Amino acid sequence: MGGRRPIEEALELARERLRLLADVDGRDFAERLEALDAGLLAASRRAMADVGPGDAQLVAELMAVTVAADGLIAGELERTGARIRRLREGQAGSAAYRSSVGG
């Protein structure tokens, strides 16, 4: 770990995850996110076993960064769901039109 405490490692990974989610570029995104999530989970577990009374600010920041990243994911899922609904509505409309014109 290079002298870093587990909470510092977890916070660094959470920040990296937030940066990745804020700047989705399409290239190997899913693989990078999966690796970051696995590393963050492991680091967070180590951090919670090591955290002390003076770490309240670091824990709060870790939680805030994690919530912000989860909010980006939730927003993207909502937008994707809306796009899928519009596509389905379009397909249903096209199918209805084709059946009405005998196609």
C-alpha atoms as a PDB file:
ATOM      1  CA  MET A   1       0.000   0.000   0.000  1.00  0.00           C
ATOM      2  CA  GLY A   2       3.005   2.313   0.100  1.00  0.00           C
ATOM      3  CA  GLY A   3       2.416   3.740   3.561  1.00  0.00           C
ATOM      4  CA  ARG A   4      -1.160   4.763   2.898  1.00  0.00           C
ATOM      5  CA  ARG A   5      -3.833   3.884   5.370  1.00  0.00           C
ATOM      6  CA  PRO A   6      -6.758   1.783   4.163  1.00  0.00           C
ATOM      7  CA  ILE A   7      -9.155   4.739   4.408  1.00  0.00           C
ATOM      8  CA  GLU A   8      -6.837   6.783   2.179  1.00  0.00           C
ATOM      9  CA  GLU A   9      -6.681   3.955  -0.355  1.00  0.00           C
ATOM     10  CA  ALA A  10     -10.468   3.589  -0.350  1.00  0.00           C
ATOM     11  CA  LEU A  11     -10.925   7.331  -0.791  1.00  0.00           C
ATOM     12  CA  GLU A  12      -8.452   7.403  -3.680  1.00  0.00           C
ATOM     13  CA  LEU A  13     -10.320   4.566  -5.418  1.00  0.00           C
ATOM     14  CA  ALA A  14     -13.677   6.257  -4.808  1.00  0.00           C
ATOM     15  CA  ARG A  15     -12.350   9.477  -6.351  1.00  0.00           C
ATOM     16  CA  GLU A  16     -11.018   7.564  -9.354  1.00  0.00           C
ATOM     17  CA  ARG A  17     -14.417   5.875  -9.752  1.00  0.00           C
ATOM     18  CA  LEU A  18     -16.162   9.256  -9.670  1.00  0.00           C
ATOM     19  CA  ARG A  19     -13.751  10.649 -12.307  1.00  0.00           C
ATOM     20  CA  LEU A  20     -14.376   7.627 -14.522  1.00  0.00           C
ATOM     21  CA  LEU A  21     -18.143   7.972 -14.227  1.00  0.00           C
ATOM     22  CA  ALA A  22     -18.009  11.710 -14.852  1.00  0.00           C
ATOM     23  CA  ASP A  23     -16.005  11.240 -18.045  1.00  0.00           C
ATOM     24  CA  VAL A  24     -17.378   8.144 -19.768  1.00  0.00           C
ATOM     25  CA  ASP A  25     -15.473   7.715 -22.996  1.00  0.00           C
ATOM     26  CA  GLY A  26     -16.725   4.298 -24.049  1.00  0.00           C
ATOM     27  CA  ARG A  27     -13.328   2.619 -24.255  1.00  0.00           C
ATOM     28  CA  ASP A  28     -13.063  -0.305 -21.853  1.00  0.00           C
ATOM     29  CA  PHE A  29     -15.401   1.584 -19.508  1.00  0.00           C
ATOM     30  CA  ALA A  30     -17.219  -1.454 -18.117  1.00  0.00           C
ATOM     31  CA  GLU A  31     -13.991  -3.322 -17.414  1.00  0.00           C
ATOM     32  CA  ARG A  32     -12.416  -0.319 -15.706  1.00  0.00           C
ATOM     33  CA  LEU A  33     -15.521   0.306 -13.611  1.00  0.00           C
ATOM     34  CA  GLU A  34     -15.736  -3.346 -12.591  1.00  0.00           C
ATOM     35  CA  ALA A  35     -12.066  -3.369 -11.532  1.00  0.00           C
ATOM     36  CA  LEU A  36     -12.483  -0.094  -9.636  1.00  0.00           C
ATOM     37  CA  ASP A  37     -15.605  -1.344  -7.863  1.00  0.00           C
ATOM     38  CA  ALA A  38     -13.852  -4.548  -6.786  1.00  0.00           C
ATOM     39  CA  GLY A  39     -10.821  -2.609  -5.550  1.00  0.00           C
ATOM     40  CA  LEU A  40     -13.007  -0.061  -3.791  1.00  0.00           C
ATOM     41  CA  LEU A  41     -15.012  -2.762  -2.035  1.00  0.00           C
ATOM     42  CA  ALA A  42     -11.845  -4.478  -0.785  1.00  0.00           C
ATOM     43  CA  ALA A  43     -10.231  -1.186   0.250  1.00  0.00           C
ATOM     44  CA  SER A  44     -13.402  -0.049   2.022  1.00  0.00           C
ATOM     45  CA  ARG A  45     -13.542  -3.282   4.008  1.00  0.00           C
ATOM     46  CA  ARG A  46      -9.926  -2.829   5.085  1.00  0.00           C
ATOM     47  CA  ALA A  47     -10.608   0.821   5.879  1.00  0.00           C
ATOM     48  CA  MET A  48     -13.566   0.067   8.108  1.00  0.00           C
ATOM     49  CA  ALA A  49     -11.443  -2.395  10.080  1.00  0.00           C
ATOM     50  CA  ASP A  50      -8.719   0.250  10.490  1.00  0.00           C
ATOM     51  CA  VAL A  51     -10.732   3.453  10.927  1.00  0.00           C
ATOM     52  CA  GLY A  52     -10.257   5.418  14.126  1.00  0.00           C
ATOM     53  CA  PRO A  53     -11.837   8.360  15.943  1.00  0.00           C
ATOM     54  CA  GLY A  54      -9.788  10.907  13.996  1.00  0.00           C
ATOM     55  CA  ASP A  55     -10.958   9.608  10.628  1.00  0.00           C
ATOM     56  CA  ALA A  56     -14.453  11.109  10.604  1.00  0.00           C
ATOM     57  CA  GLN A  57     -13.599  13.593   7.838  1.00  0.00           C
ATOM     58  CA  LEU A  58     -12.062  10.912   5.612  1.00  0.00           C
ATOM     59  CA  VAL A  59     -15.022   8.571   6.150  1.00  0.00           C
ATOM     60  CA  ALA A  60     -17.464  11.386   5.382  1.00  0.00           C
ATOM     61  CA  GLU A  61     -15.578  12.257   2.197  1.00  0.00           C
ATOM     62  CA  LEU A  62     -15.445   8.603   1.149  1.00  0.00           C
ATOM     63  CA  MET A  63     -19.181   8.329   1.622  1.00  0.00           C
ATOM     64  CA  ALA A  64     -19.837  11.605  -0.232  1.00  0.00           C
ATOM     65  CA  VAL A  65     -17.687  10.614  -3.212  1.00  0.00           C
ATOM     66  CA  THR A  66     -19.333   7.196  -3.343  1.00  0.00           C
ATOM     67  CA  VAL A  67     -22.831   8.719  -3.208  1.00  0.00           C
ATOM     68  CA  ALA A  68     -21.912  11.193  -5.970  1.00  0.00           C
ATOM     69  CA  ALA A  69     -20.666   8.372  -8.210  1.00  0.00           C
ATOM     70  CA  ASP A  70     -23.757   6.282  -7.487  1.00  0.00           C
ATOM     71  CA  GLY A  71     -25.861   9.323  -8.420  1.00  0.00           C
ATOM     72  CA  LEU A  72     -24.136   9.505 -11.803  1.00  0.00           C
ATOM     73  CA  ILE A  73     -24.881   5.820 -12.379  1.00  0.00           C
ATOM     74  CA  ALA A  74     -28.522   6.269 -11.340  1.00  0.00           C
ATOM     75  CA  GLY A  75     -28.914   9.241 -13.668  1.00  0.00           C
ATOM     76  CA  GLU A  76     -27.429   7.357 -16.592  1.00  0.00           C
ATOM     77  CA  LEU A  77     -29.664   4.364 -15.912  1.00  0.00           C
ATOM     78  CA  GLU A  78     -32.691   6.663 -15.837  1.00  0.00           C
ATOM     79  CA  ARG A  79     -31.713   8.248 -19.175  1.00  0.00           C
ATOM     80  CA  THR A  80     -31.061   4.829 -20.695  1.00  0.00           C
ATOM     81  CA  GLY A  81     -34.435   3.581 -19.471  1.00  0.00           C
ATOM     82  CA  ALA A  82     -36.157   6.604 -21.027  1.00  0.00           C
ATOM     83  CA  ARG A  83     -34.383   5.980 -24.348  1.00  0.00           C
ATOM     84  CA  ILE A  84     -35.456   2.319 -24.288  1.00  0.00           C
ATOM     85  CA  ARG A  85     -39.070   3.308 -23.563  1.00  0.00           C
ATOM     86  CA  ARG A  86     -39.037   5.757 -26.498  1.00  0.00           C
ATOM     87  CA  LEU A  87     -37.586   3.074 -28.775  1.00  0.00           C
ATOM     88  CA  ARG A  88     -40.249   0.583 -27.720  1.00  0.00           C
ATOM     89  CA  GLU A  89     -42.984   3.161 -28.255  1.00  0.00           C
ATOM     90  CA  GLY A  90     -41.539   3.875 -31.698  1.00  0.00           C
ATOM     91  CA  GLN A  91     -41.425   0.171 -32.531  1.00  0.00           C
ATOM     92  CA  ALA A  92     -45.009  -0.306 -31.362  1.00  0.00           C
ATOM     93  CA  GLY A  93     -46.103   2.661 -33.456  1.00  0.00           C
ATOM     94  CA  SER A  94     -44.267   1.310 -36.498  1.00  0.00           C
ATOM     95  CA  ALA A  95     -45.785  -2.131 -36.049  1.00  0.00           C
ATOM     96  CA  ALA A  96     -49.271  -0.619 -35.724  1.00  0.00           C
ATOM     97  CA  TYR A  97     -48.724   1.446 -38.852  1.00  0.00           C
ATOM     98  CA  ARG A  98     -47.428  -1.546 -40.829  1.00  0.00           C
ATOM     99  CA  SER A  99     -50.415  -3.648 -39.825  1.00  0.00           C
ATOM    100  CA  SER A 100     -52.822  -0.851 -40.739  1.00  0.00           C
ATOM    101  CA  VAL A 101     -51.381  -0.529 -44.239  1.00  0.00           C
ATOM    102  CA  GLY A 102     -51.118  -4.256 -44.751  1.00  0.00           C
ATOM    103  CA  GLY A 103     -47.320  -4.429 -44.473  1.00  0.00           C
END
